[in-house]
């Protein structure tokens, strides 16, 4: 059963590697968004409004495939339209 253990270990390492890459991409996308829109870093009120809209976007059907950057941008655009 050592083969099964090795296979499970490889799968775990692959899953961990994929998670790390996704985390890195998410972090980079969030950083890019906040560099492009620094007002959310300067104002607690603006940041709270962005997060409120961000949560609304996340709950919408079809938003599941959006990147973190796209989700933040959608929330930002909604705030601009108000």
PDB file of N, CA and C in Angstrom:
ATOM      1  N   UNK A   1       0.815  -1.212   0.000  1.00  0.00           N
ATOM      2  CA  UNK A   1       0.000   0.000   0.000  1.00  0.00           C
ATOM      3  C   UNK A   1       0.853   1.268   0.000  1.00  0.00           C
ATOM      4  N   UNK A   2       2.139   1.073  -0.160  1.00  0.00           N
ATOM      5  CA  UNK A   2       3.043   2.222  -0.203  1.00  0.00           C
ATOM      6  C   UNK A   2       2.772   3.071  -1.445  1.00  0.00           C
ATOM      7  N   UNK A   3       2.373   2.408  -2.547  1.00  0.00           N
ATOM      8  CA  UNK A   3       2.041   3.154  -3.763  1.00  0.00           C
ATOM      9  C   UNK A   3       0.872   4.103  -3.523  1.00  0.00           C
ATOM     10  N   UNK A   4      -0.114   3.638  -2.781  1.00  0.00           N
ATOM     11  CA  UNK A   4      -1.265   4.487  -2.461  1.00  0.00           C
ATOM     12  C   UNK A   4      -0.831   5.672  -1.610  1.00  0.00           C
ATOM     13  N   UNK A   5       0.073   5.413  -0.657  1.00  0.00           N
ATOM     14  CA  UNK A   5       0.587   6.497   0.186  1.00  0.00           C
ATOM     15  C   UNK A   5       1.359   7.511  -0.642  1.00  0.00           C
ATOM     16  N   UNK A   6       2.202   7.023  -1.560  1.00  0.00           N
ATOM     17  CA  UNK A   6       2.971   7.917  -2.424  1.00  0.00           C
ATOM     18  C   UNK A   6       2.057   8.744  -3.319  1.00  0.00           C
ATOM     19  N   UNK A   7       1.026   8.089  -3.851  1.00  0.00           N
ATOM     20  CA  UNK A   7       0.075   8.786  -4.717  1.00  0.00           C
ATOM     21  C   UNK A   7      -0.661   9.876  -3.943  1.00  0.00           C
ATOM     22  N   UNK A   8      -1.087   9.554  -2.741  1.00  0.00           N
ATOM     23  CA  UNK A   8      -1.777  10.540  -1.900  1.00  0.00           C
ATOM     24  C   UNK A   8      -0.850  11.696  -1.568  1.00  0.00           C
ATOM     25  N   UNK A   9       0.406  11.374  -1.303  1.00  0.00           N
ATOM     26  CA  UNK A   9       1.392  12.411  -0.991  1.00  0.00           C
ATOM     27  C   UNK A   9       1.622  13.321  -2.188  1.00  0.00           C
ATOM     28  N   UNK A  10       1.715  12.734  -3.383  1.00  0.00           N
ATOM     29  CA  UNK A  10       1.890  13.529  -4.608  1.00  0.00           C
ATOM     30  C   UNK A  10       0.679  14.424  -4.841  1.00  0.00           C
ATOM     31  N   UNK A  11      -0.519  13.860  -4.673  1.00  0.00           N
ATOM     32  CA  UNK A  11      -1.741  14.649  -4.847  1.00  0.00           C
ATOM     33  C   UNK A  11      -1.792  15.803  -3.862  1.00  0.00           C
ATOM     34  N   UNK A  12      -1.374  15.538  -2.638  1.00  0.00           N
ATOM     35  CA  UNK A  12      -1.349  16.578  -1.614  1.00  0.00           C
ATOM     36  C   UNK A  12      -0.366  17.678  -1.987  1.00  0.00           C
ATOM     37  N   UNK A  13       0.799  17.290  -2.493  1.00  0.00           N
ATOM     38  CA  UNK A  13       1.810  18.271  -2.899  1.00  0.00           C
ATOM     39  C   UNK A  13       1.316  19.095  -4.079  1.00  0.00           C
ATOM     40  N   UNK A  14       0.642  18.440  -5.029  1.00  0.00           N
ATOM     41  CA  UNK A  14       0.093  19.160  -6.189  1.00  0.00           C
ATOM     42  C   UNK A  14      -0.986  20.128  -5.729  1.00  0.00           C
ATOM     43  N   UNK A  15      -1.880  19.669  -4.862  1.00  0.00           N
ATOM     44  CA  UNK A  15      -2.938  20.542  -4.348  1.00  0.00           C
ATOM     45  C   UNK A  15      -2.350  21.736  -3.616  1.00  0.00           C
ATOM     46  N   UNK A  16      -1.328  21.485  -2.827  1.00  0.00           N
ATOM     47  CA  UNK A  16      -0.671  22.555  -2.084  1.00  0.00           C
ATOM     48  C   UNK A  16      -0.020  23.546  -3.037  1.00  0.00           C
ATOM     49  N   UNK A  17       0.612  23.039  -4.080  1.00  0.00           N
ATOM     50  CA  UNK A  17       1.268  23.891  -5.071  1.00  0.00           C
ATOM     51  C   UNK A  17       0.241  24.753  -5.807  1.00  0.00           C
ATOM     52  N   UNK A  18      -0.876  24.145  -6.195  1.00  0.00           N
ATOM     53  CA  UNK A  18      -1.941  24.886  -6.882  1.00  0.00           C
ATOM     54  C   UNK A  18      -2.502  25.954  -5.956  1.00  0.00           C
ATOM     55  N   UNK A  19      -2.735  25.599  -4.695  1.00  0.00           N
ATOM     56  CA  UNK A  19      -3.247  26.572  -3.729  1.00  0.00           C
ATOM     57  C   UNK A  19      -2.284  27.739  -3.592  1.00  0.00           C
ATOM     58  N   UNK A  20      -0.997  27.447  -3.473  1.00  0.00           N
ATOM     59  CA  UNK A  20       0.007  28.509  -3.309  1.00  0.00           C
ATOM     60  C   UNK A  20       0.022  29.432  -4.519  1.00  0.00           C
ATOM     61  N   UNK A  21      -0.083  28.872  -5.706  1.00  0.00           N
ATOM     62  CA  UNK A  21      -0.084  29.681  -6.929  1.00  0.00           C
ATOM     63  C   UNK A  21      -1.347  30.545  -6.992  1.00  0.00           C
ATOM     64  N   UNK A  22      -2.496  29.965  -6.660  1.00  0.00           N
ATOM     65  CA  UNK A  22      -3.753  30.732  -6.665  1.00  0.00           C
ATOM     66  C   UNK A  22      -3.697  31.854  -5.632  1.00  0.00           C
ATOM     67  N   UNK A  23      -3.154  31.557  -4.468  1.00  0.00           N
ATOM     68  CA  UNK A  23      -3.022  32.566  -3.412  1.00  0.00           C
ATOM     69  C   UNK A  23      -2.132  33.703  -3.890  1.00  0.00           C
ATOM     70  N   UNK A  24      -1.018  33.351  -4.522  1.00  0.00           N
ATOM     71  CA  UNK A  24      -0.082  34.355  -5.033  1.00  0.00           C
ATOM     72  C   UNK A  24      -0.763  35.237  -6.083  1.00  0.00           C
ATOM     73  N   UNK A  25      -1.513  34.616  -6.997  1.00  0.00           N
ATOM     74  CA  UNK A  25      -2.222  35.376  -8.033  1.00  0.00           C
ATOM     75  C   UNK A  25      -3.261  36.305  -7.411  1.00  0.00           C
ATOM     76  N   UNK A  26      -3.993  35.798  -6.441  1.00  0.00           N
ATOM     77  CA  UNK A  26      -5.022  36.596  -5.776  1.00  0.00           C
ATOM     78  C   UNK A  26      -4.405  37.794  -5.076  1.00  0.00           C
ATOM     79  N   UNK A  27      -3.319  37.558  -4.377  1.00  0.00           N
ATOM     80  CA  UNK A  27      -2.621  38.627  -3.663  1.00  0.00           C
ATOM     81  C   UNK A  27      -2.117  39.689  -4.646  1.00  0.00           C
ATOM     82  N   UNK A  28      -1.541  39.251  -5.762  1.00  0.00           N
ATOM     83  CA  UNK A  28      -1.031  40.184  -6.772  1.00  0.00           C
ATOM     84  C   UNK A  28      -2.161  40.995  -7.401  1.00  0.00           C
ATOM     85  N   UNK A  29      -3.292  40.342  -7.668  1.00  0.00           N
ATOM     86  CA  UNK A  29      -4.431  41.039  -8.266  1.00  0.00           C
ATOM     87  C   UNK A  29      -5.004  42.084  -7.312  1.00  0.00           C
ATOM     88  N   UNK A  30      -5.116  41.732  -6.045  1.00  0.00           N
ATOM     89  CA  UNK A  30      -5.619  42.689  -5.052  1.00  0.00           C
ATOM     90  C   UNK A  30      -4.664  43.869  -4.934  1.00  0.00           C
ATOM     91  N   UNK A  31      -3.372  43.592  -4.902  1.00  0.00           N
ATOM     92  CA  UNK A  31      -2.372  44.654  -4.823  1.00  0.00           C
ATOM     93  C   UNK A  31      -2.470  45.580  -6.035  1.00  0.00           C
ATOM     94  N   UNK A  32      -2.608  45.008  -7.217  1.00  0.00           N
ATOM     95  CA  UNK A  32      -2.749  45.807  -8.440  1.00  0.00           C
ATOM     96  C   UNK A  32      -3.971  46.711  -8.356  1.00  0.00           C
ATOM     97  N   UNK A  33      -5.100  46.150  -7.929  1.00  0.00           N
ATOM     98  CA  UNK A  33      -6.321  46.954  -7.824  1.00  0.00           C
ATOM     99  C   UNK A  33      -6.115  48.132  -6.879  1.00  0.00           C
ATOM    100  N   UNK A  34      -5.559  47.878  -5.709  1.00  0.00           N
ATOM    101  CA  UNK A  34      -5.405  48.949  -4.719  1.00  0.00           C
ATOM    102  C   UNK A  34      -4.323  49.951  -5.112  1.00  0.00           C
ATOM    103  N   UNK A  35      -3.369  49.540  -5.934  1.00  0.00           N
ATOM    104  CA  UNK A  35      -2.402  50.500  -6.477  1.00  0.00           C
ATOM    105  C   UNK A  35      -3.082  51.416  -7.494  1.00  0.00           C
ATOM    106  N   UNK A  36      -4.002  50.863  -8.264  1.00  0.00           N
ATOM    107  CA  UNK A  36      -4.732  51.644  -9.265  1.00  0.00           C
ATOM    108  C   UNK A  36      -5.801  52.532  -8.627  1.00  0.00           C
ATOM    109  N   UNK A  37      -6.292  52.129  -7.478  1.00  0.00           N
ATOM    110  CA  UNK A  37      -7.374  52.852  -6.792  1.00  0.00           C
ATOM    111  C   UNK A  37      -6.989  53.094  -5.330  1.00  0.00           C
ATOM    112  N   UNK A  38      -5.993  53.946  -5.088  1.00  0.00           N
ATOM    113  CA  UNK A  38      -5.471  54.141  -3.724  1.00  0.00           C
ATOM    114  C   UNK A  38      -6.445  54.821  -2.769  1.00  0.00           C
ATOM    115  N   UNK A  39      -7.518  55.396  -3.293  1.00  0.00           N
ATOM    116  CA  UNK A  39      -8.480  56.066  -2.417  1.00  0.00           C
ATOM    117  C   UNK A  39      -9.051  55.111  -1.368  1.00  0.00           C
ATOM    118  N   UNK A  40      -9.113  53.819  -1.689  1.00  0.00           N
ATOM    119  CA  UNK A  40      -9.659  52.855  -0.739  1.00  0.00           C
ATOM    120  C   UNK A  40      -8.687  52.562   0.402  1.00  0.00           C
ATOM    121  N   UNK A  41      -7.434  52.879   0.188  1.00  0.00           N
ATOM    122  CA  UNK A  41      -6.432  52.697   1.239  1.00  0.00           C
ATOM    123  C   UNK A  41      -6.363  53.927   2.147  1.00  0.00           C
ATOM    124  N   UNK A  42      -6.846  55.039   1.644  1.00  0.00           N
ATOM    125  CA  UNK A  42      -6.756  56.295   2.400  1.00  0.00           C
ATOM    126  C   UNK A  42      -7.999  56.588   3.231  1.00  0.00           C
ATOM    127  N   UNK A  43      -9.119  55.983   2.856  1.00  0.00           N
ATOM    128  CA  UNK A  43     -10.378  56.298   3.525  1.00  0.00           C
ATOM    129  C   UNK A  43     -11.060  55.024   4.010  1.00  0.00           C
ATOM    130  N   UNK A  44     -11.235  54.935   5.313  1.00  0.00           N
ATOM    131  CA  UNK A  44     -11.918  53.776   5.902  1.00  0.00           C
ATOM    132  C   UNK A  44     -13.353  53.683   5.376  1.00  0.00           C
ATOM    133  N   UNK A  45     -14.005  54.824   5.234  1.00  0.00           N
ATOM    134  CA  UNK A  45     -15.386  54.840   4.739  1.00  0.00           C
ATOM    135  C   UNK A  45     -15.457  54.316   3.302  1.00  0.00           C
ATOM    136  N   UNK A  46     -14.540  54.778   2.445  1.00  0.00           N
ATOM    137  CA  UNK A  46     -14.516  54.303   1.058  1.00  0.00           C
ATOM    138  C   UNK A  46     -14.228  52.805   1.001  1.00  0.00           C
ATOM    139  N   UNK A  47     -13.315  52.358   1.848  1.00  0.00           N
ATOM    140  CA  UNK A  47     -12.973  50.934   1.885  1.00  0.00           C
ATOM    141  C   UNK A  47     -14.188  50.103   2.308  1.00  0.00           C
ATOM    142  N   UNK A  48     -14.922  50.578   3.298  1.00  0.00           N
ATOM    143  CA  UNK A  48     -16.112  49.856   3.765  1.00  0.00           C
ATOM    144  C   UNK A  48     -17.174  49.788   2.675  1.00  0.00           C
ATOM    145  N   UNK A  49     -17.346  50.881   1.934  1.00  0.00           N
ATOM    146  CA  UNK A  49     -18.311  50.887   0.830  1.00  0.00           C
ATOM    147  C   UNK A  49     -17.889  49.895  -0.258  1.00  0.00           C
ATOM    148  N   UNK A  50     -16.591  49.882  -0.554  1.00  0.00           N
ATOM    149  CA  UNK A  50     -16.079  48.942  -1.554  1.00  0.00           C
ATOM    150  C   UNK A  50     -16.338  47.505  -1.109  1.00  0.00           C
ATOM    151  N   UNK A  51     -16.068  47.203   0.147  1.00  0.00           N
ATOM    152  CA  UNK A  51     -16.251  45.838   0.644  1.00  0.00           C
ATOM    153  C   UNK A  51     -17.728  45.432   0.641  1.00  0.00           C
ATOM    154  N   UNK A  52     -18.609  46.380   0.918  1.00  0.00           N
ATOM    155  CA  UNK A  52     -20.046  46.096   0.860  1.00  0.00           C
ATOM    156  C   UNK A  52     -20.446  45.706  -0.558  1.00  0.00           C
ATOM    157  N   UNK A  53     -19.995  46.487  -1.536  1.00  0.00           N
ATOM    158  CA  UNK A  53     -20.299  46.178  -2.935  1.00  0.00           C
ATOM    159  C   UNK A  53     -19.606  44.892  -3.374  1.00  0.00           C
ATOM    160  N   UNK A  54     -18.390  44.683  -2.910  1.00  0.00           N
ATOM    161  CA  UNK A  54     -17.625  43.474  -3.228  1.00  0.00           C
ATOM    162  C   UNK A  54     -18.418  42.230  -2.808  1.00  0.00           C
ATOM    163  N   UNK A  55     -18.969  42.264  -1.606  1.00  0.00           N
ATOM    164  CA  UNK A  55     -19.758  41.130  -1.108  1.00  0.00           C
ATOM    165  C   UNK A  55     -21.002  40.912  -1.961  1.00  0.00           C
ATOM    166  N   UNK A  56     -21.635  42.001  -2.396  1.00  0.00           N
ATOM    167  CA  UNK A  56     -22.818  41.880  -3.259  1.00  0.00           C
ATOM    168  C   UNK A  56     -22.453  41.224  -4.585  1.00  0.00           C
ATOM    169  N   UNK A  57     -21.326  41.644  -5.159  1.00  0.00           N
ATOM    170  CA  UNK A  57     -20.873  41.054  -6.426  1.00  0.00           C
ATOM    171  C   UNK A  57     -20.627  39.559  -6.243  1.00  0.00           C
ATOM    172  N   UNK A  58     -19.995  39.187  -5.139  1.00  0.00           N
ATOM    173  CA  UNK A  58     -19.695  37.771  -4.880  1.00  0.00           C
ATOM    174  C   UNK A  58     -20.954  36.911  -4.819  1.00  0.00           C
ATOM    175  N   UNK A  59     -22.048  37.484  -4.364  1.00  0.00           N
ATOM    176  CA  UNK A  59     -23.288  36.723  -4.198  1.00  0.00           C
ATOM    177  C   UNK A  59     -24.087  36.581  -5.487  1.00  0.00           C
ATOM    178  N   UNK A  60     -23.699  37.301  -6.527  1.00  0.00           N
ATOM    179  CA  UNK A  60     -24.450  37.258  -7.778  1.00  0.00           C
ATOM    180  C   UNK A  60     -24.144  35.993  -8.573  1.00  0.00           C
ATOM    181  N   UNK A  61     -25.186  35.465  -9.229  1.00  0.00           N
ATOM    182  CA  UNK A  61     -24.935  34.319 -10.111  1.00  0.00           C
ATOM    183  C   UNK A  61     -23.966  34.745 -11.221  1.00  0.00           C
ATOM    184  N   UNK A  62     -23.071  33.879 -11.566  1.00  0.00           N
ATOM    185  CA  UNK A  62     -22.124  34.186 -12.632  1.00  0.00           C
ATOM    186  C   UNK A  62     -20.852  34.857 -12.166  1.00  0.00           C
ATOM    187  N   UNK A  63     -20.803  35.247 -10.904  1.00  0.00           N
ATOM    188  CA  UNK A  63     -19.594  35.917 -10.411  1.00  0.00           C
ATOM    189  C   UNK A  63     -18.540  34.914  -9.951  1.00  0.00           C
ATOM    190  N   UNK A  64     -18.914  33.649  -9.928  1.00  0.00           N
ATOM    191  CA  UNK A  64     -18.016  32.612  -9.425  1.00  0.00           C
ATOM    192  C   UNK A  64     -16.702  32.543 -10.207  1.00  0.00           C
ATOM    193  N   UNK A  65     -16.757  32.839 -11.497  1.00  0.00           N
ATOM    194  CA  UNK A  65     -15.568  32.712 -12.341  1.00  0.00           C
ATOM    195  C   UNK A  65     -14.758  33.998 -12.446  1.00  0.00           C
ATOM    196  N   UNK A  66     -15.183  35.046 -11.745  1.00  0.00           N
ATOM    197  CA  UNK A  66     -14.434  36.298 -11.783  1.00  0.00           C
ATOM    198  C   UNK A  66     -13.177  36.189 -10.926  1.00  0.00           C
ATOM    199  N   UNK A  67     -12.134  36.843 -11.373  1.00  0.00           N
ATOM    200  CA  UNK A  67     -10.920  36.919 -10.557  1.00  0.00           C
ATOM    201  C   UNK A  67     -11.162  37.927  -9.438  1.00  0.00           C
ATOM    202  N   UNK A  68     -10.271  37.967  -8.486  1.00  0.00           N
ATOM    203  CA  UNK A  68     -10.395  38.940  -7.393  1.00  0.00           C
ATOM    204  C   UNK A  68     -10.331  40.355  -7.956  1.00  0.00           C
ATOM    205  N   UNK A  69      -9.468  40.564  -8.936  1.00  0.00           N
ATOM    206  CA  UNK A  69      -9.344  41.889  -9.553  1.00  0.00           C
ATOM    207  C   UNK A  69     -10.661  42.279 -10.228  1.00  0.00           C
ATOM    208  N   UNK A  70     -11.240  41.366 -10.999  1.00  0.00           N
ATOM    209  CA  UNK A  70     -12.500  41.650 -11.688  1.00  0.00           C
ATOM    210  C   UNK A  70     -13.625  41.926 -10.695  1.00  0.00           C
ATOM    211  N   UNK A  71     -13.631  41.202  -9.594  1.00  0.00           N
ATOM    212  CA  UNK A  71     -14.664  41.394  -8.578  1.00  0.00           C
ATOM    213  C   UNK A  71     -14.513  42.755  -7.905  1.00  0.00           C
ATOM    214  N   UNK A  72     -13.286  43.113  -7.544  1.00  0.00           N
ATOM    215  CA  UNK A  72     -13.037  44.437  -6.952  1.00  0.00           C
ATOM    216  C   UNK A  72     -13.386  45.545  -7.937  1.00  0.00           C
ATOM    217  N   UNK A  73     -13.029  45.355  -9.197  1.00  0.00           N
ATOM    218  CA  UNK A  73     -13.314  46.364 -10.214  1.00  0.00           C
ATOM    219  C   UNK A  73     -14.819  46.531 -10.411  1.00  0.00           C
ATOM    220  N   UNK A  74     -15.560  45.432 -10.413  1.00  0.00           N
ATOM    221  CA  UNK A  74     -17.017  45.505 -10.541  1.00  0.00           C
ATOM    222  C   UNK A  74     -17.611  46.284  -9.366  1.00  0.00           C
ATOM    223  N   UNK A  75     -17.116  46.027  -8.170  1.00  0.00           N
ATOM    224  CA  UNK A  75     -17.586  46.754  -6.985  1.00  0.00           C
ATOM    225  C   UNK A  75     -17.245  48.234  -7.106  1.00  0.00           C
ATOM    226  N   UNK A  76     -16.041  48.534  -7.544  1.00  0.00           N
ATOM    227  CA  UNK A  76     -15.603  49.924  -7.733  1.00  0.00           C
ATOM    228  C   UNK A  76     -16.499  50.633  -8.756  1.00  0.00           C
ATOM    229  N   UNK A  77     -16.763  49.977  -9.873  1.00  0.00           N
ATOM    230  CA  UNK A  77     -17.588  50.585 -10.925  1.00  0.00           C
ATOM    231  C   UNK A  77     -19.005  50.858 -10.437  1.00  0.00           C
ATOM    232  N   UNK A  78     -19.536  49.979  -9.608  1.00  0.00           N
ATOM    233  CA  UNK A  78     -20.869  50.221  -9.032  1.00  0.00           C
ATOM    234  C   UNK A  78     -20.868  51.469  -8.159  1.00  0.00           C
ATOM    235  N   UNK A  79     -19.816  51.621  -7.380  1.00  0.00           N
ATOM    236  CA  UNK A  79     -19.725  52.804  -6.516  1.00  0.00           C
ATOM    237  C   UNK A  79     -19.619  54.076  -7.343  1.00  0.00           C
ATOM    238  N   UNK A  80     -18.925  54.007  -8.468  1.00  0.00           N
ATOM    239  CA  UNK A  80     -18.779  55.178  -9.329  1.00  0.00           C
ATOM    240  C   UNK A  80     -20.110  55.557  -9.970  1.00  0.00           C
ATOM    241  N   UNK A  81     -20.973  54.569 -10.172  1.00  0.00           N
ATOM    242  CA  UNK A  81     -22.263  54.797 -10.821  1.00  0.00           C
ATOM    243  C   UNK A  81     -23.304  55.383  -9.869  1.00  0.00           C
ATOM    244  N   UNK A  82     -23.034  55.329  -8.577  1.00  0.00           N
ATOM    245  CA  UNK A  82     -24.007  55.843  -7.592  1.00  0.00           C
ATOM    246  C   UNK A  82     -24.092  57.354  -7.619  1.00  0.00           C
TER     247      UNK A  82
END
